[in-house]
Amino acid sequence: MPEIVIMKEIKGRNEEYARANREQYSKDHVLAVNVMGAPGAGKTSFLLALCKELGSRGINSAVIEGDLYSAIDTEIFVKEGFDSLQINTEGECHIDASVVRQGYDRLGFSNGVLFIENVGNLICPAEFDLGEGLRLITASVPEGDDKPYKYVPMYSYVDAVVLTKCDLKEAVGFDTEYFTKGLRALNDAPVFETSARTEGEALGIAEVADLIESKYRAV
């Protein structure tokens, strides 16, 4: 069927851009992290806390924000002193390696961690390699504990799972054991329980930063 051929062509071109991105990141001593998740999963709040934690360790961070419309999240990072650039897809459910490269070149970033906050979606982003060195999914506990069972491609694709808004676990009745069982049927990725809004030190952010730092030091 024609549409199958077209999709293969689109993915083929994307893979070429992804390889080129990966080579450039390596030259620039950059760890690129693709951060995925549903709308409202808490990606931005989590990333802001993570960037601050990495900064306390002397590791620079920059963020490419992918959204259908607006620059609300980019403005948050800029206000906090982090380099950030907005990509608006204007209806597309993901960003691809080509537009990420355009954004990266405009940022002029090197020697640090580049976070790519993908469009809020649990389907399309799993199909497009961005040349990243690490793939994270943020899964908020209010979304429910059944997501690994329903979104198999996404949960098969990621290198780590970050449970967000864990301070709401009891309130929403989130079953961690059930969630983890579904994940383990697909993937042995580590699971981090976090809450960016916990009073005092943000819950679990330091542990995620440990993972990011170890990956970055190996670049």
N, C-alpha and C. Protein backbone atom coordinates (compact mmCIF):
# COMPACT_ATOMS: atom_id res chain seq x y z
N MET A 1 0.84 -1.20 0.00
CA MET A 1 0.00 0.00 0.00
C MET A 1 0.87 1.25 0.00
N PRO A 2 0.48 2.31 -0.70
CA PRO A 2 1.32 3.51 -0.81
C PRO A 2 1.70 4.12 0.52
N GLU A 3 0.76 4.16 1.48
CA GLU A 3 1.06 4.83 2.74
C GLU A 3 2.15 4.11 3.53
N ILE A 4 2.26 2.79 3.35
CA ILE A 4 3.31 2.04 4.03
C ILE A 4 4.67 2.42 3.46
N VAL A 5 4.75 2.57 2.16
CA VAL A 5 6.00 2.99 1.51
C VAL A 5 6.39 4.38 1.97
N ILE A 6 5.41 5.29 2.04
CA ILE A 6 5.69 6.65 2.48
C ILE A 6 6.23 6.66 3.90
N MET A 7 5.61 5.88 4.79
CA MET A 7 6.08 5.84 6.17
C MET A 7 7.50 5.32 6.24
N LYS A 8 7.83 4.31 5.43
CA LYS A 8 9.19 3.78 5.41
C LYS A 8 10.17 4.86 4.95
N GLU A 9 9.77 5.65 3.95
CA GLU A 9 10.63 6.72 3.46
C GLU A 9 10.85 7.78 4.54
N ILE A 10 9.76 8.14 5.23
CA ILE A 10 9.87 9.14 6.30
C ILE A 10 10.80 8.65 7.40
N LYS A 11 10.62 7.41 7.82
CA LYS A 11 11.47 6.86 8.88
C LYS A 11 12.91 6.71 8.42
N GLY A 12 13.08 6.36 7.15
CA GLY A 12 14.44 6.23 6.62
C GLY A 12 15.19 7.53 6.65
N ARG A 13 14.53 8.61 6.23
CA ARG A 13 15.17 9.93 6.29
C ARG A 13 15.44 10.33 7.73
N ASN A 14 14.50 10.02 8.61
CA ASN A 14 14.69 10.37 10.02
C ASN A 14 15.90 9.65 10.60
N GLU A 15 16.08 8.39 10.24
CA GLU A 15 17.22 7.63 10.75
C GLU A 15 18.54 8.23 10.29
N GLU A 16 18.56 8.77 9.08
CA GLU A 16 19.78 9.42 8.58
C GLU A 16 20.10 10.66 9.42
N TYR A 17 19.09 11.47 9.69
CA TYR A 17 19.28 12.65 10.53
C TYR A 17 19.68 12.25 11.95
N ALA A 18 19.08 11.19 12.46
CA ALA A 18 19.39 10.74 13.82
C ALA A 18 20.86 10.33 13.93
N ARG A 19 21.36 9.62 12.92
CA ARG A 19 22.78 9.23 12.93
C ARG A 19 23.68 10.45 12.92
N ALA A 20 23.33 11.42 12.10
CA ALA A 20 24.13 12.65 12.03
C ALA A 20 24.07 13.40 13.37
N ASN A 21 22.90 13.44 13.99
CA ASN A 21 22.78 14.08 15.30
C ASN A 21 23.67 13.40 16.32
N ARG A 22 23.64 12.09 16.32
CA ARG A 22 24.42 11.32 17.30
C ARG A 22 25.92 11.62 17.15
N GLU A 23 26.36 11.71 15.92
CA GLU A 23 27.77 12.02 15.66
C GLU A 23 28.12 13.43 16.16
N GLN A 24 27.21 14.38 15.93
CA GLN A 24 27.47 15.75 16.37
C GLN A 24 27.48 15.86 17.88
N TYR A 25 26.54 15.20 18.54
CA TYR A 25 26.51 15.22 20.01
C TYR A 25 27.82 14.69 20.58
N SER A 26 28.31 13.61 19.97
CA SER A 26 29.56 13.02 20.44
C SER A 26 30.72 14.01 20.30
N LYS A 27 30.78 14.69 19.17
CA LYS A 27 31.84 15.68 18.94
C LYS A 27 31.76 16.82 19.95
N ASP A 28 30.54 17.20 20.31
CA ASP A 28 30.33 18.34 21.20
C ASP A 28 30.31 17.96 22.67
N HIS A 29 30.56 16.68 22.98
CA HIS A 29 30.50 16.17 24.35
C HIS A 29 29.14 16.51 24.99
N VAL A 30 28.08 16.09 24.30
CA VAL A 30 26.72 16.33 24.75
C VAL A 30 25.99 15.00 24.91
N LEU A 31 25.32 14.84 26.03
CA LEU A 31 24.39 13.74 26.21
C LEU A 31 22.99 14.27 25.90
N ALA A 32 22.36 13.72 24.87
CA ALA A 32 21.00 14.12 24.51
C ALA A 32 20.02 13.15 25.15
N VAL A 33 19.02 13.69 25.82
CA VAL A 33 18.03 12.88 26.53
C VAL A 33 16.65 13.19 25.98
N ASN A 34 15.99 12.19 25.43
CA ASN A 34 14.64 12.33 24.89
C ASN A 34 13.66 12.06 26.02
N VAL A 35 12.92 13.08 26.42
CA VAL A 35 11.99 12.97 27.54
C VAL A 35 10.56 12.94 26.99
N MET A 36 9.90 11.82 27.19
CA MET A 36 8.56 11.62 26.63
C MET A 36 7.55 11.43 27.75
N GLY A 37 6.27 11.52 27.39
CA GLY A 37 5.22 11.36 28.38
C GLY A 37 3.93 11.96 27.89
N ALA A 38 2.85 11.65 28.57
CA ALA A 38 1.53 12.16 28.20
C ALA A 38 1.42 13.64 28.56
N PRO A 39 0.46 14.36 27.98
CA PRO A 39 0.21 15.73 28.41
C PRO A 39 -0.13 15.76 29.90
N GLY A 40 0.49 16.69 30.61
CA GLY A 40 0.22 16.82 32.04
C GLY A 40 0.95 15.83 32.92
N ALA A 41 1.91 15.11 32.35
CA ALA A 41 2.65 14.12 33.13
C ALA A 41 3.64 14.75 34.11
N GLY A 42 3.87 16.04 33.97
CA GLY A 42 4.83 16.70 34.86
C GLY A 42 6.23 16.76 34.30
N LYS A 43 6.36 16.66 32.97
CA LYS A 43 7.68 16.65 32.35
C LYS A 43 8.47 17.92 32.67
N THR A 44 7.81 19.07 32.52
CA THR A 44 8.52 20.34 32.69
C THR A 44 8.97 20.55 34.12
N SER A 45 8.09 20.30 35.08
CA SER A 45 8.46 20.47 36.49
C SER A 45 9.59 19.52 36.88
N PHE A 46 9.49 18.28 36.39
CA PHE A 46 10.54 17.30 36.65
C PHE A 46 11.87 17.76 36.05
N LEU A 47 11.83 18.22 34.80
CA LEU A 47 13.07 18.63 34.13
C LEU A 47 13.70 19.85 34.79
N LEU A 48 12.87 20.77 35.23
CA LEU A 48 13.42 21.96 35.89
C LEU A 48 14.15 21.57 37.17
N ALA A 49 13.55 20.69 37.96
CA ALA A 49 14.21 20.22 39.18
C ALA A 49 15.49 19.46 38.85
N LEU A 50 15.45 18.68 37.78
CA LEU A 50 16.62 17.89 37.38
C LEU A 50 17.75 18.80 36.89
N CYS A 51 17.42 19.80 36.09
CA CYS A 51 18.45 20.75 35.61
C CYS A 51 19.13 21.47 36.77
N LYS A 52 18.34 21.84 37.78
CA LYS A 52 18.91 22.51 38.95
C LYS A 52 19.84 21.57 39.71
N GLU A 53 19.44 20.31 39.84
CA GLU A 53 20.28 19.34 40.54
C GLU A 53 21.58 19.11 39.79
N LEU A 54 21.50 18.98 38.47
CA LEU A 54 22.72 18.78 37.68
C LEU A 54 23.61 20.02 37.76
N GLY A 55 22.99 21.20 37.77
CA GLY A 55 23.77 22.43 37.90
C GLY A 55 24.54 22.48 39.20
N SER A 56 23.95 21.95 40.28
CA SER A 56 24.64 21.92 41.56
C SER A 56 25.85 21.00 41.53
N ARG A 57 25.89 20.13 40.52
CA ARG A 57 27.02 19.21 40.35
C ARG A 57 28.00 19.69 39.29
N GLY A 58 27.77 20.91 38.78
CA GLY A 58 28.68 21.49 37.79
C GLY A 58 28.43 21.00 36.38
N ILE A 59 27.23 20.48 36.11
CA ILE A 59 26.89 19.98 34.78
C ILE A 59 25.88 20.93 34.14
N ASN A 60 26.23 21.48 32.99
CA ASN A 60 25.35 22.40 32.28
C ASN A 60 24.21 21.65 31.60
N SER A 61 23.06 22.31 31.53
CA SER A 61 21.90 21.73 30.87
C SER A 61 21.28 22.74 29.92
N ALA A 62 20.67 22.23 28.86
CA ALA A 62 19.87 23.04 27.94
C ALA A 62 18.64 22.22 27.58
N VAL A 63 17.59 22.90 27.15
CA VAL A 63 16.33 22.21 26.88
C VAL A 63 15.77 22.65 25.53
N ILE A 64 15.40 21.67 24.71
CA ILE A 64 14.60 21.91 23.52
C ILE A 64 13.18 21.47 23.85
N GLU A 65 12.24 22.39 23.72
CA GLU A 65 10.85 22.12 24.07
C GLU A 65 10.02 21.83 22.83
N GLY A 66 9.33 20.70 22.82
CA GLY A 66 8.44 20.37 21.73
C GLY A 66 6.98 20.46 22.17
N ASP A 67 6.22 21.31 21.52
CA ASP A 67 4.79 21.45 21.81
C ASP A 67 4.05 21.72 20.51
N LEU A 68 2.76 21.44 20.51
CA LEU A 68 1.96 21.79 19.34
C LEU A 68 1.95 23.29 19.13
N TYR A 69 1.71 24.03 20.22
CA TYR A 69 1.64 25.49 20.16
C TYR A 69 2.19 26.07 21.46
N SER A 70 2.50 27.36 21.43
CA SER A 70 2.93 28.17 22.57
C SER A 70 4.40 27.96 22.93
N ALA A 71 4.90 28.88 23.76
CA ALA A 71 6.28 28.79 24.25
C ALA A 71 6.28 28.88 25.77
N ILE A 72 5.21 28.45 26.40
CA ILE A 72 5.04 28.59 27.85
C ILE A 72 6.17 27.89 28.61
N ASP A 73 6.46 26.64 28.23
CA ASP A 73 7.48 25.88 28.97
C ASP A 73 8.88 26.42 28.73
N THR A 74 9.15 26.84 27.51
CA THR A 74 10.46 27.43 27.21
C THR A 74 10.70 28.67 28.07
N GLU A 75 9.68 29.48 28.21
CA GLU A 75 9.80 30.70 29.02
C GLU A 75 10.13 30.38 30.47
N ILE A 76 9.63 29.25 30.97
CA ILE A 76 9.94 28.85 32.35
C ILE A 76 11.43 28.59 32.51
N PHE A 77 12.02 27.86 31.57
CA PHE A 77 13.45 27.54 31.66
C PHE A 77 14.32 28.77 31.47
N VAL A 78 13.95 29.61 30.52
CA VAL A 78 14.72 30.84 30.29
C VAL A 78 14.70 31.71 31.54
N LYS A 79 13.55 31.82 32.18
CA LYS A 79 13.43 32.62 33.40
C LYS A 79 14.34 32.09 34.50
N GLU A 80 14.55 30.76 34.51
CA GLU A 80 15.40 30.14 35.53
C GLU A 80 16.87 30.13 35.13
N GLY A 81 17.19 30.70 33.97
CA GLY A 81 18.58 30.84 33.56
C GLY A 81 19.13 29.71 32.72
N PHE A 82 18.27 28.87 32.18
CA PHE A 82 18.72 27.76 31.35
C PHE A 82 18.49 28.07 29.87
N ASP A 83 19.47 27.72 29.03
CA ASP A 83 19.29 27.87 27.59
C ASP A 83 18.13 26.98 27.15
N SER A 84 17.21 27.54 26.40
CA SER A 84 16.04 26.77 25.97
C SER A 84 15.54 27.31 24.64
N LEU A 85 15.03 26.40 23.82
CA LEU A 85 14.52 26.76 22.50
C LEU A 85 13.22 26.03 22.25
N GLN A 86 12.27 26.72 21.63
CA GLN A 86 10.94 26.16 21.39
C GLN A 86 10.81 25.60 19.97
N ILE A 87 10.21 24.41 19.87
CA ILE A 87 9.79 23.86 18.59
C ILE A 87 8.28 23.68 18.66
N ASN A 88 7.55 24.34 17.78
CA ASN A 88 6.10 24.16 17.70
C ASN A 88 5.77 23.33 16.47
N THR A 89 5.10 22.22 16.67
CA THR A 89 4.78 21.32 15.56
C THR A 89 3.49 21.70 14.86
N GLU A 90 2.68 22.55 15.49
CA GLU A 90 1.42 23.03 14.91
C GLU A 90 0.54 21.88 14.42
N GLY A 91 0.36 20.89 15.28
CA GLY A 91 -0.55 19.79 14.98
C GLY A 91 0.10 18.43 14.91
N GLU A 92 1.40 18.37 14.63
CA GLU A 92 2.10 17.08 14.57
C GLU A 92 2.26 16.52 15.98
N CYS A 93 2.17 15.20 16.11
CA CYS A 93 2.15 14.58 17.43
C CYS A 93 3.53 14.20 17.95
N HIS A 94 4.59 14.64 17.26
CA HIS A 94 5.95 14.32 17.70
C HIS A 94 6.91 15.31 17.05
N ILE A 95 8.15 15.30 17.50
CA ILE A 95 9.21 16.02 16.80
C ILE A 95 10.15 14.98 16.21
N ASP A 96 10.87 15.36 15.16
CA ASP A 96 11.77 14.39 14.51
C ASP A 96 13.21 14.88 14.58
N ALA A 97 14.10 14.04 14.08
CA ALA A 97 15.53 14.32 14.20
C ALA A 97 15.96 15.56 13.43
N SER A 98 15.27 15.84 12.32
CA SER A 98 15.63 17.00 11.50
C SER A 98 15.37 18.30 12.24
N VAL A 99 14.17 18.44 12.82
CA VAL A 99 13.86 19.71 13.50
C VAL A 99 14.66 19.85 14.79
N VAL A 100 14.96 18.72 15.44
CA VAL A 100 15.82 18.78 16.62
C VAL A 100 17.19 19.32 16.25
N ARG A 101 17.72 18.87 15.11
CA ARG A 101 19.03 19.35 14.68
C ARG A 101 19.01 20.85 14.40
N GLN A 102 17.93 21.33 13.80
CA GLN A 102 17.82 22.77 13.55
C GLN A 102 17.82 23.54 14.87
N GLY A 103 17.09 23.03 15.84
CA GLY A 103 17.05 23.68 17.15
C GLY A 103 18.40 23.62 17.85
N TYR A 104 19.05 22.48 17.76
CA TYR A 104 20.35 22.31 18.39
C TYR A 104 21.38 23.27 17.81
N ASP A 105 21.39 23.40 16.50
CA ASP A 105 22.35 24.32 15.87
C ASP A 105 22.09 25.76 16.30
N ARG A 106 20.84 26.12 16.48
CA ARG A 106 20.52 27.48 16.93
C ARG A 106 20.93 27.72 18.38
N LEU A 107 20.85 26.68 19.20
CA LEU A 107 21.25 26.82 20.60
C LEU A 107 22.75 27.04 20.74
N GLY A 108 23.54 26.38 19.90
CA GLY A 108 24.99 26.48 20.02
C GLY A 108 25.51 25.88 21.32
N PHE A 109 24.91 24.78 21.74
CA PHE A 109 25.22 24.17 23.03
C PHE A 109 26.31 23.13 22.90
N SER A 110 27.14 22.99 23.96
CA SER A 110 28.16 21.94 23.99
C SER A 110 28.54 21.67 25.45
N ASN A 111 29.18 20.52 25.67
CA ASN A 111 29.70 20.16 27.00
C ASN A 111 28.61 20.20 28.08
N GLY A 112 27.62 19.37 27.91
CA GLY A 112 26.56 19.31 28.89
C GLY A 112 25.47 18.34 28.49
N VAL A 113 24.32 18.45 29.14
CA VAL A 113 23.19 17.56 28.91
C VAL A 113 22.09 18.35 28.20
N LEU A 114 21.68 17.84 27.05
CA LEU A 114 20.60 18.44 26.28
C LEU A 114 19.33 17.61 26.50
N PHE A 115 18.33 18.22 27.11
CA PHE A 115 17.05 17.56 27.29
C PHE A 115 16.12 17.96 26.15
N ILE A 116 15.51 16.98 25.53
CA ILE A 116 14.55 17.22 24.46
C ILE A 116 13.18 16.81 24.99
N GLU A 117 12.38 17.78 25.39
CA GLU A 117 11.05 17.47 25.90
C GLU A 117 10.10 17.29 24.72
N ASN A 118 9.76 16.05 24.46
CA ASN A 118 8.96 15.72 23.29
C ASN A 118 7.51 16.17 23.47
N VAL A 119 6.77 16.17 22.39
CA VAL A 119 5.35 16.51 22.43
C VAL A 119 4.63 15.51 23.33
N GLY A 120 3.69 16.00 24.12
CA GLY A 120 2.95 15.13 25.04
C GLY A 120 2.11 14.11 24.28
N ASN A 121 2.59 12.86 24.25
CA ASN A 121 1.94 11.81 23.47
C ASN A 121 2.59 10.48 23.83
N LEU A 122 1.80 9.43 23.96
CA LEU A 122 2.35 8.13 24.32
C LEU A 122 2.45 7.18 23.13
N ILE A 123 2.25 7.69 21.92
CA ILE A 123 2.30 6.82 20.74
C ILE A 123 3.39 7.26 19.76
N CYS A 124 3.20 8.39 19.11
CA CYS A 124 4.09 8.81 18.01
C CYS A 124 5.56 8.95 18.38
N PRO A 125 5.92 9.57 19.52
CA PRO A 125 7.34 9.79 19.79
C PRO A 125 8.18 8.51 19.84
N ALA A 126 7.56 7.38 20.15
CA ALA A 126 8.32 6.12 20.21
C ALA A 126 8.78 5.66 18.84
N GLU A 127 8.24 6.24 17.77
CA GLU A 127 8.57 5.81 16.42
C GLU A 127 9.72 6.58 15.81
N PHE A 128 10.20 7.64 16.47
CA PHE A 128 11.18 8.52 15.85
C PHE A 128 12.42 8.71 16.73
N ASP A 129 13.52 8.14 16.29
CA ASP A 129 14.82 8.32 16.93
C ASP A 129 15.28 9.75 16.69
N LEU A 130 15.75 10.41 17.74
CA LEU A 130 16.23 11.79 17.62
C LEU A 130 17.76 11.86 17.68
N GLY A 131 18.40 10.69 17.76
CA GLY A 131 19.84 10.66 17.93
C GLY A 131 20.25 10.75 19.39
N GLU A 132 19.28 10.56 20.28
CA GLU A 132 19.51 10.71 21.72
C GLU A 132 20.36 9.56 22.27
N GLY A 133 20.99 9.84 23.41
CA GLY A 133 21.77 8.82 24.09
C GLY A 133 21.00 8.15 25.21
N LEU A 134 19.84 8.72 25.57
CA LEU A 134 19.03 8.17 26.67
C LEU A 134 17.57 8.55 26.43
N ARG A 135 16.68 7.57 26.68
CA ARG A 135 15.24 7.80 26.49
C ARG A 135 14.53 7.61 27.82
N LEU A 136 13.85 8.65 28.25
CA LEU A 136 13.10 8.60 29.50
C LEU A 136 11.62 8.77 29.22
N ILE A 137 10.79 8.11 30.00
CA ILE A 137 9.37 8.42 29.99
C ILE A 137 8.96 8.87 31.37
N THR A 138 8.23 9.98 31.41
CA THR A 138 7.65 10.45 32.66
C THR A 138 6.21 9.96 32.70
N ALA A 139 5.87 9.22 33.74
CA ALA A 139 4.53 8.67 33.90
C ALA A 139 3.98 9.15 35.23
N SER A 140 2.97 10.00 35.19
CA SER A 140 2.44 10.53 36.44
C SER A 140 1.46 9.54 37.06
N VAL A 141 1.48 9.43 38.38
CA VAL A 141 0.60 8.45 39.03
C VAL A 141 -0.89 8.75 38.80
N PRO A 142 -1.33 10.02 38.63
CA PRO A 142 -2.75 10.23 38.34
C PRO A 142 -3.20 9.66 36.99
N GLU A 143 -2.25 9.39 36.08
CA GLU A 143 -2.61 8.79 34.79
C GLU A 143 -3.12 7.36 34.96
N GLY A 144 -2.74 6.71 36.04
CA GLY A 144 -3.14 5.32 36.26
C GLY A 144 -1.97 4.37 36.15
N ASP A 145 -2.14 3.19 36.71
CA ASP A 145 -1.06 2.21 36.76
C ASP A 145 -1.11 1.18 35.63
N ASP A 146 -1.98 1.41 34.64
CA ASP A 146 -2.16 0.43 33.56
C ASP A 146 -1.45 0.82 32.26
N LYS A 147 -0.72 1.93 32.26
CA LYS A 147 -0.16 2.44 31.01
C LYS A 147 0.84 1.49 30.33
N PRO A 148 1.70 0.74 31.04
CA PRO A 148 2.58 -0.19 30.32
C PRO A 148 1.81 -1.27 29.56
N TYR A 149 0.63 -1.59 30.02
CA TYR A 149 -0.20 -2.61 29.37
C TYR A 149 -0.85 -2.05 28.10
N LYS A 150 -1.13 -0.75 28.10
CA LYS A 150 -1.87 -0.13 27.00
C LYS A 150 -0.96 0.49 25.94
N TYR A 151 0.23 0.92 26.34
CA TYR A 151 1.13 1.61 25.42
C TYR A 151 2.43 0.83 25.30
N VAL A 152 2.32 -0.35 24.75
CA VAL A 152 3.44 -1.29 24.68
C VAL A 152 4.64 -0.74 23.90
N PRO A 153 4.46 -0.15 22.70
CA PRO A 153 5.65 0.35 21.98
C PRO A 153 6.45 1.37 22.79
N MET A 154 5.76 2.30 23.44
CA MET A 154 6.47 3.32 24.21
C MET A 154 7.24 2.72 25.37
N TYR A 155 6.59 1.86 26.12
CA TYR A 155 7.25 1.30 27.30
C TYR A 155 8.30 0.24 26.95
N SER A 156 8.26 -0.26 25.73
CA SER A 156 9.30 -1.16 25.25
C SER A 156 10.55 -0.37 24.81
N TYR A 157 10.35 0.90 24.49
CA TYR A 157 11.35 1.75 23.82
C TYR A 157 12.28 2.46 24.78
N VAL A 158 11.83 2.70 26.01
CA VAL A 158 12.55 3.61 26.90
C VAL A 158 13.68 2.93 27.68
N ASP A 159 14.64 3.76 28.13
CA ASP A 159 15.76 3.28 28.93
C ASP A 159 15.52 3.44 30.43
N ALA A 160 14.60 4.32 30.79
CA ALA A 160 14.28 4.54 32.20
C ALA A 160 12.87 5.11 32.31
N VAL A 161 12.23 4.79 33.42
CA VAL A 161 10.87 5.26 33.69
C VAL A 161 10.90 6.14 34.94
N VAL A 162 10.35 7.33 34.81
CA VAL A 162 10.29 8.26 35.94
C VAL A 162 8.83 8.43 36.34
N LEU A 163 8.47 7.88 37.47
CA LEU A 163 7.12 8.09 38.01
C LEU A 163 7.08 9.47 38.66
N THR A 164 6.19 10.32 38.20
CA THR A 164 6.08 11.68 38.73
C THR A 164 4.83 11.82 39.60
N LYS A 165 4.83 12.89 40.40
CA LYS A 165 3.70 13.21 41.29
C LYS A 165 3.42 12.07 42.27
N CYS A 166 4.49 11.45 42.75
CA CYS A 166 4.33 10.31 43.65
C CYS A 166 3.76 10.70 45.01
N ASP A 167 3.74 11.99 45.30
CA ASP A 167 3.08 12.44 46.53
C ASP A 167 1.57 12.21 46.46
N LEU A 168 1.04 11.91 45.28
CA LEU A 168 -0.40 11.67 45.10
C LEU A 168 -0.75 10.19 45.03
N LYS A 169 0.21 9.33 45.25
CA LYS A 169 -0.02 7.89 45.12
C LYS A 169 -1.22 7.40 45.92
N GLU A 170 -1.23 7.73 47.18
CA GLU A 170 -2.31 7.25 48.05
C GLU A 170 -3.65 7.84 47.63
N ALA A 171 -3.64 9.09 47.27
CA ALA A 171 -4.88 9.77 46.92
C ALA A 171 -5.55 9.17 45.69
N VAL A 172 -4.74 8.73 44.71
CA VAL A 172 -5.31 8.20 43.47
C VAL A 172 -5.32 6.67 43.43
N GLY A 173 -4.76 6.03 44.45
CA GLY A 173 -4.77 4.58 44.51
C GLY A 173 -3.86 3.91 43.50
N PHE A 174 -2.73 4.51 43.26
CA PHE A 174 -1.77 3.96 42.27
C PHE A 174 -1.12 2.70 42.81
N ASP A 175 -1.17 1.61 42.01
CA ASP A 175 -0.61 0.31 42.41
C ASP A 175 0.75 0.14 41.75
N THR A 176 1.83 0.41 42.49
CA THR A 176 3.18 0.35 41.95
C THR A 176 3.53 -1.06 41.49
N GLU A 177 3.12 -2.06 42.24
CA GLU A 177 3.43 -3.44 41.88
C GLU A 177 2.80 -3.82 40.54
N TYR A 178 1.56 -3.42 40.34
CA TYR A 178 0.87 -3.72 39.09
C TYR A 178 1.54 -3.00 37.92
N PHE A 179 1.89 -1.73 38.12
CA PHE A 179 2.57 -0.95 37.09
C PHE A 179 3.90 -1.63 36.71
N THR A 180 4.68 -1.99 37.71
CA THR A 180 5.99 -2.57 37.48
C THR A 180 5.89 -3.94 36.80
N LYS A 181 4.87 -4.71 37.15
CA LYS A 181 4.67 -6.01 36.51
C LYS A 181 4.44 -5.84 35.01
N GLY A 182 3.63 -4.85 34.63
CA GLY A 182 3.40 -4.58 33.22
C GLY A 182 4.66 -4.13 32.51
N LEU A 183 5.44 -3.29 33.17
CA LEU A 183 6.70 -2.82 32.58
C LEU A 183 7.67 -3.96 32.39
N ARG A 184 7.80 -4.82 33.40
CA ARG A 184 8.78 -5.91 33.35
C ARG A 184 8.46 -6.94 32.26
N ALA A 185 7.23 -7.00 31.82
CA ALA A 185 6.88 -7.88 30.71
C ALA A 185 7.48 -7.38 29.39
N LEU A 186 7.90 -6.11 29.40
CA LEU A 186 8.42 -5.48 28.18
C LEU A 186 9.88 -5.07 28.27
N ASN A 187 10.34 -4.73 29.47
CA ASN A 187 11.55 -3.94 29.59
C ASN A 187 12.10 -4.06 31.01
N ASP A 188 13.42 -4.05 31.14
CA ASP A 188 14.02 -4.09 32.48
C ASP A 188 14.53 -2.72 32.91
N ALA A 189 13.96 -1.66 32.30
CA ALA A 189 14.38 -0.29 32.60
C ALA A 189 14.17 0.03 34.07
N PRO A 190 15.09 0.79 34.68
CA PRO A 190 14.90 1.19 36.08
C PRO A 190 13.73 2.14 36.23
N VAL A 191 13.10 2.10 37.41
CA VAL A 191 11.97 2.98 37.72
C VAL A 191 12.36 3.90 38.86
N PHE A 192 12.16 5.20 38.66
CA PHE A 192 12.47 6.20 39.68
C PHE A 192 11.17 6.85 40.14
N GLU A 193 10.96 6.88 41.44
CA GLU A 193 9.78 7.52 42.00
C GLU A 193 10.14 8.95 42.41
N THR A 194 9.43 9.91 41.85
CA THR A 194 9.78 11.31 42.06
C THR A 194 8.56 12.17 42.41
N SER A 195 8.85 13.31 42.98
CA SER A 195 7.86 14.37 43.15
C SER A 195 8.61 15.68 43.18
N ALA A 196 8.38 16.49 42.16
CA ALA A 196 9.09 17.77 42.07
C ALA A 196 8.50 18.81 43.02
N ARG A 197 7.34 18.53 43.59
CA ARG A 197 6.68 19.51 44.44
C ARG A 197 6.68 19.12 45.92
N THR A 198 7.41 18.08 46.27
CA THR A 198 7.53 17.71 47.68
C THR A 198 8.24 18.83 48.44
N GLU A 199 7.76 19.15 49.62
CA GLU A 199 8.39 20.22 50.41
C GLU A 199 9.84 19.83 50.73
N GLY A 200 10.70 20.83 50.69
CA GLY A 200 12.12 20.57 50.93
C GLY A 200 12.76 20.01 49.67
N GLU A 201 13.64 19.07 49.80
CA GLU A 201 14.33 18.48 48.66
C GLU A 201 13.36 17.65 47.83
N ALA A 202 13.37 17.85 46.50
CA ALA A 202 12.46 17.13 45.62
C ALA A 202 12.73 15.63 45.70
N LEU A 203 11.67 14.86 45.82
CA LEU A 203 11.78 13.42 45.98
C LEU A 203 12.32 12.75 44.72
N GLY A 204 13.38 11.97 44.85
CA GLY A 204 13.86 11.12 43.78
C GLY A 204 14.67 11.79 42.69
N ILE A 205 14.75 13.11 42.69
CA ILE A 205 15.45 13.83 41.62
C ILE A 205 16.95 13.52 41.64
N ALA A 206 17.54 13.42 42.82
CA ALA A 206 18.98 13.15 42.93
C ALA A 206 19.32 11.79 42.32
N GLU A 207 18.42 10.81 42.49
CA GLU A 207 18.68 9.47 41.95
C GLU A 207 18.64 9.49 40.42
N VAL A 208 17.71 10.25 39.84
CA VAL A 208 17.69 10.38 38.38
C VAL A 208 18.94 11.11 37.90
N ALA A 209 19.33 12.14 38.64
CA ALA A 209 20.55 12.89 38.29
C ALA A 209 21.78 11.99 38.33
N ASP A 210 21.81 11.03 39.24
CA ASP A 210 22.93 10.07 39.28
C ASP A 210 23.04 9.31 37.96
N LEU A 211 21.88 8.87 37.46
CA LEU A 211 21.86 8.15 36.18
C LEU A 211 22.33 9.04 35.04
N ILE A 212 21.80 10.26 34.99
CA ILE A 212 22.17 11.20 33.92
C ILE A 212 23.66 11.52 33.99
N GLU A 213 24.15 11.77 35.19
CA GLU A 213 25.56 12.11 35.34
C GLU A 213 26.45 10.96 34.88
N SER A 214 26.11 9.73 35.24
CA SER A 214 26.93 8.59 34.85
C SER A 214 26.96 8.44 33.32
N LYS A 215 25.81 8.66 32.68
CA LYS A 215 25.75 8.58 31.22
C LYS A 215 26.54 9.71 30.58
N TYR A 216 26.44 10.90 31.18
CA TYR A 216 27.15 12.05 30.62
C TYR A 216 28.67 11.89 30.76
N ARG A 217 29.11 11.42 31.90
CA ARG A 217 30.56 11.24 32.10
C ARG A 217 31.14 10.22 31.13
N ALA A 218 30.29 9.33 30.61
CA ALA A 218 30.75 8.29 29.68
C ALA A 218 30.74 8.74 28.22
N VAL A 219 30.20 9.95 27.98
CA VAL A 219 30.11 10.44 26.59
C VAL A 219 31.51 10.71 26.04
